[in-house]
Amino acid sequence: MLTKKQKNLLLFINKKLRSSGVSPSYEEMKESLNLKSKSGIHRLISALEERGFIKRLAHKARALEVIKLPELHLLMIFTTAFHLASLKAV
């Protein structure tokens, strides 16, 4: 189970990766969560990595890979995709 901040950070990272193909900077992550320091981001990223949600790629700056998303978020994506597919079939 993720904390609210962990989940929000994970979804932000995933969104940035999908839209631009590049991981967000620590500064962008800090601003997205309204945190005061980048050390808080570092702790959240470490926690996400320990729980298997993200992976840091060695020897690359800003290189994060999303391994999995929270179950509820995946369910929402699946439901939306199923709904869109059913609308196209009509």
Protein backbone atom coordinates (compact mmCIF):
# COMPACT_ATOMS: atom_id res chain seq x y z
CA MET A 1 0.00 0.00 0.00
CA LEU A 2 1.31 3.41 -0.96
CA THR A 3 0.93 6.65 0.92
CA LYS A 4 -0.94 9.44 -0.85
CA LYS A 5 2.30 11.28 -1.64
CA GLN A 6 3.96 8.12 -2.95
CA LYS A 7 0.98 7.40 -5.20
CA ASN A 8 0.81 10.99 -6.46
CA LEU A 9 4.54 11.00 -7.21
CA LEU A 10 4.34 7.65 -9.01
CA LEU A 11 1.45 8.84 -11.17
CA PHE A 12 3.27 12.11 -11.92
CA ILE A 13 6.42 10.25 -12.97
CA ASN A 14 4.38 7.89 -15.14
CA LYS A 15 2.53 10.78 -16.79
CA LYS A 16 5.77 12.66 -17.58
CA LEU A 17 7.41 9.53 -18.95
CA ARG A 18 4.43 8.79 -21.19
CA SER A 19 4.11 12.36 -22.46
CA SER A 20 7.77 13.28 -23.00
CA GLY A 21 9.74 10.03 -22.72
CA VAL A 22 11.94 11.64 -20.05
CA SER A 23 11.76 11.32 -16.28
CA PRO A 24 10.88 14.53 -14.45
CA SER A 25 13.61 16.34 -12.55
CA TYR A 26 13.62 16.33 -8.75
CA GLU A 27 12.66 20.01 -8.94
CA GLU A 28 9.60 19.20 -11.10
CA MET A 29 8.62 16.39 -8.73
CA LYS A 30 9.05 18.68 -5.71
CA GLU A 31 6.83 21.33 -7.29
CA SER A 32 4.17 18.81 -8.33
CA LEU A 33 3.77 17.66 -4.72
CA ASN A 34 4.21 21.12 -3.18
CA LEU A 35 7.15 19.94 -1.09
CA LYS A 36 9.74 22.30 0.37
CA SER A 37 12.87 20.23 -0.29
CA LYS A 38 14.22 17.70 -2.75
CA SER A 39 15.23 15.41 0.11
CA GLY A 40 11.54 14.56 0.54
CA ILE A 41 11.44 13.50 -3.10
CA HIS A 42 14.51 11.34 -2.58
CA ARG A 43 12.80 9.54 0.33
CA LEU A 44 9.62 9.00 -1.71
CA ILE A 45 11.56 7.63 -4.68
CA SER A 46 13.53 5.30 -2.40
CA ALA A 47 10.27 4.03 -0.89
CA LEU A 48 8.74 3.46 -4.35
CA GLU A 49 11.86 1.59 -5.43
CA GLU A 50 11.86 -0.58 -2.28
CA ARG A 51 8.21 -1.49 -2.92
CA GLY A 52 8.94 -2.43 -6.55
CA PHE A 53 6.97 0.34 -8.25
CA ILE A 54 9.92 2.06 -9.92
CA LYS A 55 13.46 1.23 -10.90
CA ARG A 56 16.39 3.61 -11.08
CA LEU A 57 18.54 3.02 -14.12
CA ALA A 58 22.24 2.93 -13.25
CA HIS A 59 24.69 5.52 -14.55
CA LYS A 60 22.00 7.76 -16.04
CA ALA A 61 20.71 11.05 -14.71
CA ARG A 62 16.94 11.36 -14.30
CA ALA A 63 16.51 7.76 -15.41
CA LEU A 64 13.48 6.18 -13.76
CA GLU A 65 11.37 3.34 -15.04
CA VAL A 66 7.84 2.70 -13.79
CA ILE A 67 7.50 -1.03 -13.13
CA LYS A 68 3.91 -1.11 -11.92
CA LEU A 69 1.09 1.23 -10.97
CA PRO A 70 -1.28 1.03 -7.99
CA GLU A 71 -4.04 -1.53 -8.51
CA LEU A 72 -6.90 0.97 -8.34
CA HIS A 73 -5.26 3.13 -11.02
CA LEU A 74 -4.80 0.09 -13.27
CA LEU A 75 -8.45 -0.84 -12.78
CA MET A 76 -9.49 2.67 -13.84
CA ILE A 77 -7.30 2.46 -16.97
CA PHE A 78 -8.70 -0.97 -17.88
CA THR A 79 -12.30 0.15 -17.32
CA THR A 80 -11.80 3.26 -19.45
CA ALA A 81 -10.14 1.28 -22.25
CA PHE A 82 -12.94 -1.31 -22.17
CA HIS A 83 -15.58 1.42 -22.27
CA LEU A 84 -13.90 3.16 -25.23
CA ALA A 85 -13.59 -0.13 -27.10
CA SER A 86 -17.27 -0.88 -26.57
CA LEU A 87 -18.22 2.59 -27.89
CA LYS A 88 -16.17 2.04 -31.05
CA ALA A 89 -17.85 -1.30 -31.65
CA VAL A 90 -21.26 0.35 -31.83
